[in-house]
ModelCIF file with pLDDT and N, C-alpha, C, O atoms, coordinates in Angstrom:
data_MODEL
#
_entry.id   MODEL 
#
_entity.id                         1 
_entity.type                       polymer 
_entity.pdbx_number_of_molecules   1 
#
_entity_poly.entity_id                      1 
_entity_poly.type                           'polypeptide(L)' 
_entity_poly.nstd_linkage                   no 
_entity_poly.nstd_monomer                   no 
_entity_poly.pdbx_seq_one_letter_code       PEHEEDLRKHHHISPLFAELEGLPPLLIQV 
_entity_poly.pdbx_seq_one_letter_code_can   PEHEEDLRKHHHISPLFAELEGLPPLLIQV 
_entity_poly.pdbx_strand_id                 A 
#
loop_
_entity_poly_seq.entity_id 
_entity_poly_seq.num 
_entity_poly_seq.mon_id 
_entity_poly_seq.hetero 
1 1  PRO n 
1 2  GLU n 
1 3  HIS n 
1 4  GLU n 
1 5  GLU n 
1 6  ASP n 
1 7  LEU n 
1 8  ARG n 
1 9  LYS n 
1 10 HIS n 
1 11 HIS n 
1 12 HIS n 
1 13 ILE n 
1 14 SER n 
1 15 PRO n 
1 16 LEU n 
1 17 PHE n 
1 18 ALA n 
1 19 GLU n 
1 20 LEU n 
1 21 GLU n 
1 22 GLY n 
1 23 LEU n 
1 24 PRO n 
1 25 PRO n 
1 26 LEU n 
1 27 LEU n 
1 28 ILE n 
1 29 GLN n 
1 30 VAL n 
#
_struct_asym.id          A 
_struct_asym.entity_id   1 
#
loop_
_ma_qa_metric.id 
_ma_qa_metric.mode 
_ma_qa_metric.name 
_ma_qa_metric.software_group_id 
_ma_qa_metric.type 
1 global pLDDT . pLDDT 
2 local  pLDDT . pLDDT 
#
_ma_qa_metric_global.metric_id      1 
_ma_qa_metric_global.metric_value   88.60 
_ma_qa_metric_global.model_id       1 
_ma_qa_metric_global.ordinal_id     1 
#
loop_
_ma_qa_metric_local.label_asym_id 
_ma_qa_metric_local.label_comp_id 
_ma_qa_metric_local.label_seq_id 
_ma_qa_metric_local.metric_id 
_ma_qa_metric_local.metric_value 
_ma_qa_metric_local.model_id 
_ma_qa_metric_local.ordinal_id 
A PRO 1  2 76.00 1 1  
A GLU 2  2 62.00 1 2  
A HIS 3  2 52.00 1 3  
A GLU 4  2 61.00 1 4  
A GLU 5  2 61.00 1 5  
A ASP 6  2 71.00 1 6  
A LEU 7  2 79.00 1 7  
A ARG 8  2 87.00 1 8  
A LYS 9  2 87.00 1 9  
A HIS 10 2 88.00 1 10 
A HIS 11 2 91.00 1 11 
A HIS 12 2 88.00 1 12 
A ILE 13 2 94.00 1 13 
A SER 14 2 96.00 1 14 
A PRO 15 2 97.00 1 15 
A LEU 16 2 97.00 1 16 
A PHE 17 2 96.00 1 17 
A ALA 18 2 97.00 1 18 
A GLU 19 2 97.00 1 19 
A LEU 20 2 98.00 1 20 
A GLU 21 2 98.00 1 21 
A GLY 22 2 98.00 1 22 
A LEU 23 2 98.00 1 23 
A PRO 24 2 98.00 1 24 
A PRO 25 2 98.00 1 25 
A LEU 26 2 98.00 1 26 
A LEU 27 2 99.00 1 27 
A ILE 28 2 99.00 1 28 
A GLN 29 2 99.00 1 29 
A VAL 30 2 98.00 1 30 
#
loop_
_atom_site.group_PDB 
_atom_site.id 
_atom_site.type_symbol 
_atom_site.label_atom_id 
_atom_site.label_alt_id 
_atom_site.label_comp_id 
_atom_site.label_asym_id 
_atom_site.label_entity_id 
_atom_site.label_seq_id 
_atom_site.pdbx_PDB_ins_code 
_atom_site.Cartn_x 
_atom_site.Cartn_y 
_atom_site.Cartn_z 
_atom_site.occupancy 
_atom_site.B_iso_or_equiv 
_atom_site.pdbx_formal_charge 
_atom_site.auth_seq_id 
_atom_site.auth_comp_id 
_atom_site.auth_asym_id 
_atom_site.auth_atom_id 
_atom_site.pdbx_PDB_model_num 
ATOM 1   N N  . PRO A 1 1  ? -163.425 -30.469 -27.356 1.00 76.00 ? 1  PRO A N  1 
ATOM 2   C CA . PRO A 1 1  ? -163.281 -29.014 -27.104 1.00 76.00 ? 1  PRO A CA 1 
ATOM 3   C C  . PRO A 1 1  ? -162.325 -28.607 -26.061 1.00 76.00 ? 1  PRO A C  1 
ATOM 4   O O  . PRO A 1 1  ? -162.252 -29.236 -25.005 1.00 76.00 ? 1  PRO A O  1 
ATOM 5   N N  . GLU A 1 2  ? -161.532 -27.504 -26.329 1.00 62.00 ? 2  GLU A N  1 
ATOM 6   C CA . GLU A 1 2  ? -160.414 -27.230 -25.598 1.00 62.00 ? 2  GLU A CA 1 
ATOM 7   C C  . GLU A 1 2  ? -160.719 -26.827 -24.081 1.00 62.00 ? 2  GLU A C  1 
ATOM 8   O O  . GLU A 1 2  ? -159.809 -26.932 -23.259 1.00 62.00 ? 2  GLU A O  1 
ATOM 9   N N  . HIS A 1 3  ? -161.848 -26.416 -23.734 1.00 52.00 ? 3  HIS A N  1 
ATOM 10  C CA . HIS A 1 3  ? -162.296 -26.059 -22.549 1.00 52.00 ? 3  HIS A CA 1 
ATOM 11  C C  . HIS A 1 3  ? -162.596 -27.207 -21.666 1.00 52.00 ? 3  HIS A C  1 
ATOM 12  O O  . HIS A 1 3  ? -162.707 -27.073 -20.447 1.00 52.00 ? 3  HIS A O  1 
ATOM 13  N N  . GLU A 1 4  ? -162.722 -28.291 -22.257 1.00 61.00 ? 4  GLU A N  1 
ATOM 14  C CA . GLU A 1 4  ? -162.970 -29.646 -21.590 1.00 61.00 ? 4  GLU A CA 1 
ATOM 15  C C  . GLU A 1 4  ? -161.700 -30.477 -21.443 1.00 61.00 ? 4  GLU A C  1 
ATOM 16  O O  . GLU A 1 4  ? -161.587 -31.549 -22.036 1.00 61.00 ? 4  GLU A O  1 
ATOM 17  N N  . GLU A 1 5  ? -160.652 -29.940 -20.577 1.00 61.00 ? 5  GLU A N  1 
ATOM 18  C CA . GLU A 1 5  ? -159.456 -30.426 -20.582 1.00 61.00 ? 5  GLU A CA 1 
ATOM 19  C C  . GLU A 1 5  ? -159.468 -31.999 -20.228 1.00 61.00 ? 5  GLU A C  1 
ATOM 20  O O  . GLU A 1 5  ? -158.836 -32.839 -20.868 1.00 61.00 ? 5  GLU A O  1 
ATOM 21  N N  . ASP A 1 6  ? -160.198 -32.239 -19.230 1.00 71.00 ? 6  ASP A N  1 
ATOM 22  C CA . ASP A 1 6  ? -160.221 -33.677 -18.708 1.00 71.00 ? 6  ASP A CA 1 
ATOM 23  C C  . ASP A 1 6  ? -160.805 -34.640 -19.773 1.00 71.00 ? 6  ASP A C  1 
ATOM 24  O O  . ASP A 1 6  ? -160.543 -35.842 -19.733 1.00 71.00 ? 6  ASP A O  1 
ATOM 25  N N  . LEU A 1 7  ? -161.621 -34.082 -20.753 1.00 79.00 ? 7  LEU A N  1 
ATOM 26  C CA . LEU A 1 7  ? -162.227 -34.995 -21.714 1.00 79.00 ? 7  LEU A CA 1 
ATOM 27  C C  . LEU A 1 7  ? -161.123 -35.530 -22.630 1.00 79.00 ? 7  LEU A C  1 
ATOM 28  O O  . LEU A 1 7  ? -161.277 -36.639 -23.141 1.00 79.00 ? 7  LEU A O  1 
ATOM 29  N N  . ARG A 1 8  ? -160.019 -34.812 -22.870 1.00 87.00 ? 8  ARG A N  1 
ATOM 30  C CA . ARG A 1 8  ? -158.898 -35.415 -23.716 1.00 87.00 ? 8  ARG A CA 1 
ATOM 31  C C  . ARG A 1 8  ? -158.194 -36.515 -23.244 1.00 87.00 ? 8  ARG A C  1 
ATOM 32  O O  . ARG A 1 8  ? -157.407 -37.127 -23.967 1.00 87.00 ? 8  ARG A O  1 
ATOM 33  N N  . LYS A 1 9  ? -158.460 -36.876 -21.848 1.00 87.00 ? 9  LYS A N  1 
ATOM 34  C CA . LYS A 1 9  ? -157.784 -37.980 -21.297 1.00 87.00 ? 9  LYS A CA 1 
ATOM 35  C C  . LYS A 1 9  ? -158.789 -39.109 -21.096 1.00 87.00 ? 9  LYS A C  1 
ATOM 36  O O  . LYS A 1 9  ? -158.530 -40.107 -20.424 1.00 87.00 ? 9  LYS A O  1 
ATOM 37  N N  . HIS A 1 10 ? -160.010 -38.888 -21.746 1.00 88.00 ? 10 HIS A N  1 
ATOM 38  C CA . HIS A 1 10 ? -161.023 -40.015 -21.746 1.00 88.00 ? 10 HIS A CA 1 
ATOM 39  C C  . HIS A 1 10 ? -160.518 -41.062 -22.457 1.00 88.00 ? 10 HIS A C  1 
ATOM 40  O O  . HIS A 1 10 ? -159.959 -40.823 -23.528 1.00 88.00 ? 10 HIS A O  1 
ATOM 41  N N  . HIS A 1 11 ? -160.632 -42.379 -21.985 1.00 91.00 ? 11 HIS A N  1 
ATOM 42  C CA . HIS A 1 11 ? -159.885 -43.461 -22.694 1.00 91.00 ? 11 HIS A CA 1 
ATOM 43  C C  . HIS A 1 11 ? -160.498 -43.692 -24.168 1.00 91.00 ? 11 HIS A C  1 
ATOM 44  O O  . HIS A 1 11 ? -159.853 -44.353 -24.983 1.00 91.00 ? 11 HIS A O  1 
ATOM 45  N N  . HIS A 1 12 ? -161.661 -43.179 -24.476 1.00 88.00 ? 12 HIS A N  1 
ATOM 46  C CA . HIS A 1 12 ? -162.103 -43.290 -25.866 1.00 88.00 ? 12 HIS A CA 1 
ATOM 47  C C  . HIS A 1 12 ? -161.491 -42.195 -26.793 1.00 88.00 ? 12 HIS A C  1 
ATOM 48  O O  . HIS A 1 12 ? -161.398 -42.342 -28.012 1.00 88.00 ? 12 HIS A O  1 
ATOM 49  N N  . ILE A 1 13 ? -161.102 -41.135 -26.146 1.00 94.00 ? 13 ILE A N  1 
ATOM 50  C CA . ILE A 1 13 ? -160.434 -40.069 -27.002 1.00 94.00 ? 13 ILE A CA 1 
ATOM 51  C C  . ILE A 1 13 ? -158.925 -40.350 -27.049 1.00 94.00 ? 13 ILE A C  1 
ATOM 52  O O  . ILE A 1 13 ? -158.307 -40.240 -28.108 1.00 94.00 ? 13 ILE A O  1 
ATOM 53  N N  . SER A 1 14 ? -158.283 -40.741 -25.807 1.00 96.00 ? 14 SER A N  1 
ATOM 54  C CA . SER A 1 14 ? -156.903 -40.961 -25.750 1.00 96.00 ? 14 SER A CA 1 
ATOM 55  C C  . SER A 1 14 ? -156.731 -42.272 -25.275 1.00 96.00 ? 14 SER A C  1 
ATOM 56  O O  . SER A 1 14 ? -156.484 -42.414 -24.078 1.00 96.00 ? 14 SER A O  1 
ATOM 57  N N  . PRO A 1 15 ? -156.833 -43.422 -26.132 1.00 97.00 ? 15 PRO A N  1 
ATOM 58  C CA . PRO A 1 15 ? -156.700 -44.836 -25.786 1.00 97.00 ? 15 PRO A CA 1 
ATOM 59  C C  . PRO A 1 15 ? -155.482 -45.181 -25.129 1.00 97.00 ? 15 PRO A C  1 
ATOM 60  O O  . PRO A 1 15 ? -155.409 -46.291 -24.600 1.00 97.00 ? 15 PRO A O  1 
ATOM 61  N N  . LEU A 1 16 ? -154.455 -44.346 -25.080 1.00 97.00 ? 16 LEU A N  1 
ATOM 62  C CA . LEU A 1 16 ? -153.287 -44.675 -24.247 1.00 97.00 ? 16 LEU A CA 1 
ATOM 63  C C  . LEU A 1 16 ? -153.594 -44.916 -22.818 1.00 97.00 ? 16 LEU A C  1 
ATOM 64  O O  . LEU A 1 16 ? -152.929 -45.704 -22.145 1.00 97.00 ? 16 LEU A O  1 
ATOM 65  N N  . PHE A 1 17 ? -154.645 -44.209 -22.328 1.00 96.00 ? 17 PHE A N  1 
ATOM 66  C CA . PHE A 1 17 ? -155.104 -44.332 -20.865 1.00 96.00 ? 17 PHE A CA 1 
ATOM 67  C C  . PHE A 1 17 ? -156.126 -45.338 -20.691 1.00 96.00 ? 17 PHE A C  1 
ATOM 68  O O  . PHE A 1 17 ? -156.737 -45.277 -19.624 1.00 96.00 ? 17 PHE A O  1 
ATOM 69  N N  . ALA A 1 18 ? -156.467 -46.301 -21.549 1.00 97.00 ? 18 ALA A N  1 
ATOM 70  C CA . ALA A 1 18 ? -157.601 -47.199 -21.425 1.00 97.00 ? 18 ALA A CA 1 
ATOM 71  C C  . ALA A 1 18 ? -156.996 -48.449 -20.777 1.00 97.00 ? 18 ALA A C  1 
ATOM 72  O O  . ALA A 1 18 ? -155.786 -48.638 -20.659 1.00 97.00 ? 18 ALA A O  1 
ATOM 73  N N  . GLU A 1 19 ? -157.989 -49.303 -20.357 1.00 97.00 ? 19 GLU A N  1 
ATOM 74  C CA . GLU A 1 19 ? -157.582 -50.619 -19.923 1.00 97.00 ? 19 GLU A CA 1 
ATOM 75  C C  . GLU A 1 19 ? -157.699 -51.470 -21.329 1.00 97.00 ? 19 GLU A C  1 
ATOM 76  O O  . GLU A 1 19 ? -158.701 -51.500 -22.043 1.00 97.00 ? 19 GLU A O  1 
ATOM 77  N N  . LEU A 1 20 ? -156.573 -52.091 -21.546 1.00 98.00 ? 20 LEU A N  1 
ATOM 78  C CA . LEU A 1 20 ? -156.374 -52.648 -22.957 1.00 98.00 ? 20 LEU A CA 1 
ATOM 79  C C  . LEU A 1 20 ? -156.534 -54.118 -22.882 1.00 98.00 ? 20 LEU A C  1 
ATOM 80  O O  . LEU A 1 20 ? -156.446 -54.786 -23.913 1.00 98.00 ? 20 LEU A O  1 
ATOM 81  N N  . GLU A 1 21 ? -156.777 -54.699 -21.663 1.00 98.00 ? 21 GLU A N  1 
ATOM 82  C CA . GLU A 1 21 ? -157.014 -56.216 -21.590 1.00 98.00 ? 21 GLU A CA 1 
ATOM 83  C C  . GLU A 1 21 ? -157.969 -56.672 -22.690 1.00 98.00 ? 21 GLU A C  1 
ATOM 84  O O  . GLU A 1 21 ? -158.911 -55.961 -23.043 1.00 98.00 ? 21 GLU A O  1 
ATOM 85  N N  . GLY A 1 22 ? -157.716 -57.867 -23.225 1.00 98.00 ? 22 GLY A N  1 
ATOM 86  C CA . GLY A 1 22 ? -158.550 -58.425 -24.184 1.00 98.00 ? 22 GLY A CA 1 
ATOM 87  C C  . GLY A 1 22 ? -158.612 -57.926 -25.503 1.00 98.00 ? 22 GLY A C  1 
ATOM 88  O O  . GLY A 1 22 ? -159.495 -58.294 -26.277 1.00 98.00 ? 22 GLY A O  1 
ATOM 89  N N  . LEU A 1 23 ? -157.622 -57.010 -25.856 1.00 98.00 ? 23 LEU A N  1 
ATOM 90  C CA . LEU A 1 23 ? -157.659 -56.618 -27.316 1.00 98.00 ? 23 LEU A CA 1 
ATOM 91  C C  . LEU A 1 23 ? -157.005 -57.664 -28.218 1.00 98.00 ? 23 LEU A C  1 
ATOM 92  O O  . LEU A 1 23 ? -156.231 -58.512 -27.776 1.00 98.00 ? 23 LEU A O  1 
ATOM 93  N N  . PRO A 1 24 ? -157.331 -57.571 -29.423 1.00 98.00 ? 24 PRO A N  1 
ATOM 94  C CA . PRO A 1 24 ? -156.647 -58.670 -30.357 1.00 98.00 ? 24 PRO A CA 1 
ATOM 95  C C  . PRO A 1 24 ? -155.058 -58.337 -30.652 1.00 98.00 ? 24 PRO A C  1 
ATOM 96  O O  . PRO A 1 24 ? -154.538 -57.268 -30.333 1.00 98.00 ? 24 PRO A O  1 
ATOM 97  N N  . PRO A 1 25 ? -154.440 -59.307 -31.243 1.00 98.00 ? 25 PRO A N  1 
ATOM 98  C CA . PRO A 1 25 ? -153.006 -58.958 -31.551 1.00 98.00 ? 25 PRO A CA 1 
ATOM 99  C C  . PRO A 1 25 ? -152.903 -57.689 -32.225 1.00 98.00 ? 25 PRO A C  1 
ATOM 100 O O  . PRO A 1 25 ? -153.728 -57.361 -33.077 1.00 98.00 ? 25 PRO A O  1 
ATOM 101 N N  . LEU A 1 26 ? -151.794 -56.851 -31.840 1.00 98.00 ? 26 LEU A N  1 
ATOM 102 C CA . LEU A 1 26 ? -151.703 -55.497 -32.373 1.00 98.00 ? 26 LEU A CA 1 
ATOM 103 C C  . LEU A 1 26 ? -150.177 -55.149 -32.925 1.00 98.00 ? 26 LEU A C  1 
ATOM 104 O O  . LEU A 1 26 ? -149.161 -55.281 -32.243 1.00 98.00 ? 26 LEU A O  1 
ATOM 105 N N  . LEU A 1 27 ? -150.217 -54.694 -34.253 1.00 99.00 ? 27 LEU A N  1 
ATOM 106 C CA . LEU A 1 27 ? -148.980 -54.207 -34.684 1.00 99.00 ? 27 LEU A CA 1 
ATOM 107 C C  . LEU A 1 27 ? -149.039 -52.744 -34.769 1.00 99.00 ? 27 LEU A C  1 
ATOM 108 O O  . LEU A 1 27 ? -150.002 -52.160 -35.264 1.00 99.00 ? 27 LEU A O  1 
ATOM 109 N N  . ILE A 1 28 ? -147.884 -52.081 -34.227 1.00 99.00 ? 28 ILE A N  1 
ATOM 110 C CA . ILE A 1 28 ? -147.750 -50.665 -34.158 1.00 99.00 ? 28 ILE A CA 1 
ATOM 111 C C  . ILE A 1 28 ? -146.546 -50.295 -34.875 1.00 99.00 ? 28 ILE A C  1 
ATOM 112 O O  . ILE A 1 28 ? -145.448 -50.776 -34.593 1.00 99.00 ? 28 ILE A O  1 
ATOM 113 N N  . GLN A 1 29 ? -146.756 -49.348 -35.907 1.00 99.00 ? 29 GLN A N  1 
ATOM 114 C CA . GLN A 1 29 ? -145.494 -48.856 -36.752 1.00 99.00 ? 29 GLN A CA 1 
ATOM 115 C C  . GLN A 1 29 ? -145.412 -47.294 -36.410 1.00 99.00 ? 29 GLN A C  1 
ATOM 116 O O  . GLN A 1 29 ? -146.422 -46.597 -36.305 1.00 99.00 ? 29 GLN A O  1 
ATOM 117 N N  . VAL A 1 30 ? -144.146 -46.829 -36.252 1.00 98.00 ? 30 VAL A N  1 
ATOM 118 C CA . VAL A 1 30 ? -143.940 -45.401 -36.065 1.00 98.00 ? 30 VAL A CA 1 
ATOM 119 C C  . VAL A 1 30 ? -142.661 -45.085 -36.550 1.00 98.00 ? 30 VAL A C  1 
ATOM 120 O O  . VAL A 1 30 ? -142.252 -43.925 -36.501 1.00 98.00 ? 30 VAL A O  1 
#
């Protein structure tokens, strides 16, 4: 929801801001 601006940076909503240690091999295409 738009009125919850801080929520958009929650690491489950925006994983860019997460602690990524321990994740498996990752391929990104863009």
